[in-house]
Amino acid sequence: MSKPKDDKQVNDQVSADALKPENTELESVKSELEALKQQYDQGVEQLALADSKYKAAVAEQHNIQKRADREIDKVRQFSLERFASGLLPVADSLEKAIEAFEVDKGNNVQHMQEGVKLVYSSLLEVFGRFNVVKHDAVDQPFDPEKMEAISSVKAAEGQADCVTQVVQTGYSLGERTLRPSLVIVAKEDS
């Protein structure tokens, strides 16, 4: 015959049995919490990796920009160096012309004029090598992109809005106007 259980033992047994489902639920919640923690940790790692890659990409872009800026500066300097080197013979010719004026004291003006024309011609040649173009404006229609009217005169028959005189020659570098021609334009009486 089995011994009857006292009330305390029965209550303890009932309490233990009642807690078993809660233990299972608690284990399930703990397991779920652990899975969420792992996902969170993975997300933090992925975010750190993405941040690291982003910072590396920004740094690389900055380095590329610096290299490109240095290359552009080198190209500009080289172009300017070539242009300046091309002008050196013109400067030499001008120096020789000045020396000749000092020696000759103006006795041979025609000879001096020919020398200055040669210097001017060599200057235009250097400009041509670097795509610097002189604006030929006389008798041309007024072009506000390449010319600046400083005065106007009464137009002859069929000459309205044409340049009659160039006060200062203009130049372009390719399609870009370096300096507009200062011109006098023929206008019809209104």
Protein backbone atom coordinates (compact mmCIF):
# COMPACT_ATOMS: atom_id res chain seq x y z
CA MET A 1 0.00 0.00 0.00
CA SER A 2 1.27 3.34 -0.86
CA LYS A 3 1.59 6.01 1.60
CA PRO A 4 -0.71 8.94 1.19
CA LYS A 5 1.05 12.12 0.13
CA ASP A 6 0.73 15.03 2.36
CA ASP A 7 -0.81 18.23 1.10
CA LYS A 8 2.51 20.00 0.74
CA GLN A 9 3.89 17.34 -1.58
CA VAL A 10 0.76 17.42 -3.69
CA ASN A 11 0.90 21.21 -3.97
CA ASP A 12 4.58 21.09 -4.95
CA GLN A 13 3.83 18.47 -7.59
CA VAL A 14 0.95 20.54 -8.97
CA SER A 15 3.11 23.67 -9.02
CA ALA A 16 5.92 21.87 -10.84
CA ASP A 17 3.47 20.45 -13.37
CA ALA A 18 1.91 23.87 -13.88
CA LEU A 19 5.36 25.46 -14.53
CA LYS A 20 6.38 22.95 -17.19
CA PRO A 21 4.37 24.60 -19.98
CA GLU A 22 5.73 27.98 -18.92
CA ASN A 23 9.26 26.58 -19.02
CA THR A 24 8.63 25.47 -22.58
CA GLU A 25 7.27 28.90 -23.45
CA LEU A 26 10.22 30.56 -21.72
CA GLU A 27 12.66 28.38 -23.64
CA SER A 28 10.87 29.29 -26.87
CA VAL A 29 11.09 33.02 -26.06
CA LYS A 30 14.76 32.66 -25.10
CA SER A 31 15.44 30.84 -28.35
CA GLU A 32 13.61 33.53 -30.34
CA LEU A 33 15.48 36.25 -28.45
CA GLU A 34 18.81 34.57 -29.21
CA ALA A 35 17.89 34.36 -32.93
CA LEU A 36 16.95 38.08 -32.94
CA LYS A 37 20.22 38.95 -31.19
CA GLN A 38 22.14 37.02 -33.86
CA GLN A 39 20.24 38.85 -36.61
CA TYR A 40 20.98 42.16 -34.90
CA ASP A 41 24.68 41.32 -34.62
CA GLN A 42 24.76 40.33 -38.31
CA GLY A 43 23.02 43.59 -39.21
CA VAL A 44 25.56 45.59 -37.21
CA GLU A 45 28.41 43.74 -38.96
CA GLN A 46 26.86 44.36 -42.38
CA LEU A 47 26.34 48.03 -41.55
CA ALA A 48 29.95 48.37 -40.40
CA LEU A 49 31.14 46.68 -43.61
CA ALA A 50 28.93 48.92 -45.77
CA ASP A 51 30.16 52.00 -43.89
CA SER A 52 33.75 50.91 -44.39
CA LYS A 53 33.17 50.36 -48.12
CA TYR A 54 31.43 53.74 -48.41
CA LYS A 55 34.31 55.54 -46.69
CA ALA A 56 36.82 53.75 -48.93
CA ALA A 57 34.81 54.72 -52.04
CA VAL A 58 34.64 58.37 -50.92
CA ALA A 59 38.39 58.39 -50.24
CA GLU A 60 39.08 56.81 -53.64
CA GLN A 61 36.86 59.35 -55.38
CA HIS A 62 38.69 62.15 -53.57
CA ASN A 63 42.05 60.70 -54.67
CA ILE A 64 40.85 60.39 -58.27
CA GLN A 65 39.71 64.03 -58.21
CA LYS A 66 43.09 65.16 -56.83
CA ARG A 67 44.95 63.17 -59.53
CA ALA A 68 42.70 64.62 -62.24
CA ASP A 69 43.24 68.17 -60.93
CA ARG A 70 47.02 67.63 -60.95
CA GLU A 71 46.85 66.29 -64.51
CA ILE A 72 44.76 69.27 -65.64
CA ASP A 73 47.28 71.64 -64.05
CA LYS A 74 50.13 69.84 -65.83
CA VAL A 75 48.33 70.07 -69.18
CA ARG A 76 47.63 73.78 -68.66
CA GLN A 77 51.21 74.43 -67.65
CA PHE A 78 52.53 72.46 -70.63
CA SER A 79 50.22 74.33 -73.02
CA LEU A 80 51.24 77.67 -71.57
CA GLU A 81 54.89 76.63 -71.73
CA ARG A 82 54.56 75.75 -75.42
CA PHE A 83 52.78 79.04 -76.12
CA ALA A 84 55.38 81.07 -74.22
CA SER A 85 58.22 79.20 -75.98
CA GLY A 86 56.59 80.04 -79.30
CA LEU A 87 56.57 83.73 -78.39
CA LEU A 88 60.28 83.83 -77.45
CA PRO A 89 61.46 84.34 -81.07
CA VAL A 90 58.95 87.20 -81.37
CA ALA A 91 60.42 88.80 -78.23
CA ASP A 92 63.93 88.32 -79.65
CA SER A 93 62.89 90.00 -82.90
CA LEU A 94 61.36 92.93 -81.02
CA GLU A 95 64.58 93.34 -79.02
CA LYS A 96 66.58 93.38 -82.27
CA ALA A 97 64.21 95.97 -83.73
CA ILE A 98 64.63 98.21 -80.67
CA GLU A 99 68.41 97.86 -80.89
CA ALA A 100 68.29 98.73 -84.59
CA PHE A 101 66.21 101.85 -83.87
CA GLU A 102 68.78 102.95 -81.28
CA VAL A 103 71.73 102.38 -83.66
CA ASP A 104 70.06 103.81 -86.78
CA LYS A 105 68.33 106.71 -84.96
CA GLY A 106 65.50 106.59 -87.48
CA ASN A 107 67.59 107.17 -90.62
CA ASN A 108 66.20 104.07 -92.35
CA VAL A 109 62.50 104.09 -91.47
CA GLN A 110 61.50 101.81 -94.34
CA HIS A 111 63.95 99.15 -93.17
CA MET A 112 62.58 99.40 -89.62
CA GLN A 113 59.00 99.15 -90.88
CA GLU A 114 59.82 95.96 -92.75
CA GLY A 115 61.42 94.51 -89.60
CA VAL A 116 58.37 95.30 -87.48
CA LYS A 117 56.11 93.74 -90.14
CA LEU A 118 58.21 90.56 -90.00
CA VAL A 119 57.90 90.48 -86.19
CA TYR A 120 54.14 90.96 -86.47
CA SER A 121 53.96 88.21 -89.08
CA SER A 122 55.88 85.81 -86.81
CA LEU A 123 53.54 86.68 -83.93
CA LEU A 124 50.50 85.83 -86.08
CA GLU A 125 52.22 82.58 -87.05
CA VAL A 126 52.62 81.62 -83.37
CA PHE A 127 48.97 82.56 -82.77
CA GLY A 128 47.97 80.31 -85.68
CA ARG A 129 49.81 77.33 -84.18
CA PHE A 130 47.78 77.76 -81.00
CA ASN A 131 44.45 78.39 -82.77
CA VAL A 132 44.38 82.10 -81.84
CA VAL A 133 42.55 83.80 -84.70
CA LYS A 134 42.50 87.50 -85.54
CA HIS A 135 39.03 88.93 -86.25
CA ASP A 136 38.84 90.51 -89.69
CA ALA A 137 35.99 92.94 -89.13
CA VAL A 138 36.16 95.72 -91.75
CA ASP A 139 33.21 95.58 -94.18
CA GLN A 140 31.76 92.61 -92.26
CA PRO A 141 28.28 92.60 -90.70
CA PHE A 142 28.38 93.59 -87.03
CA ASP A 143 28.65 90.46 -84.83
CA PRO A 144 28.02 91.20 -81.13
CA GLU A 145 29.69 87.89 -80.19
CA LYS A 146 33.02 89.05 -81.62
CA MET A 147 32.68 92.83 -81.76
CA GLU A 148 31.93 95.77 -79.53
CA ALA A 149 30.60 98.92 -81.21
CA ILE A 150 32.14 102.04 -79.72
CA SER A 151 30.67 104.48 -82.24
CA SER A 152 28.53 104.68 -85.35
CA VAL A 153 28.63 106.63 -88.58
CA LYS A 154 26.07 107.31 -91.29
CA ALA A 155 25.80 104.31 -93.57
CA ALA A 156 26.50 104.45 -97.28
CA GLU A 157 24.11 102.70 -99.64
CA GLY A 158 23.90 98.98 -98.66
CA GLN A 159 26.41 99.30 -95.80
CA ALA A 160 23.99 99.44 -92.84
CA ASP A 161 25.09 97.46 -89.78
CA CYS A 162 28.53 96.80 -91.30
CA VAL A 163 31.85 97.62 -89.68
CA THR A 164 33.51 100.65 -91.25
CA GLN A 165 36.60 100.86 -89.05
CA VAL A 166 38.41 98.72 -86.47
CA VAL A 167 39.81 100.69 -83.54
CA GLN A 168 41.28 97.63 -81.77
CA THR A 169 41.59 94.15 -83.30
CA GLY A 170 39.84 91.27 -81.55
CA TYR A 171 41.00 87.67 -81.25
CA SER A 172 39.42 84.27 -80.64
CA LEU A 173 40.83 81.06 -79.24
CA GLY A 174 38.94 78.42 -81.16
CA GLU A 175 35.28 79.35 -80.78
CA ARG A 176 35.87 81.47 -77.67
CA THR A 177 36.37 85.23 -78.01
CA LEU A 178 39.50 86.30 -76.15
CA ARG A 179 38.92 89.98 -76.85
CA PRO A 180 36.18 91.53 -78.98
CA SER A 181 37.13 93.92 -81.78
CA LEU A 182 36.38 97.54 -80.93
CA VAL A 183 34.63 98.83 -84.05
CA ILE A 184 32.76 101.71 -85.64
CA VAL A 185 29.53 100.56 -87.26
CA ALA A 186 27.56 102.10 -90.14
CA LYS A 187 23.96 102.91 -89.18
CA GLU A 188 21.07 104.16 -91.28
CA ASP A 189 19.51 107.46 -90.30
CA SER A 190 16.29 106.87 -88.45
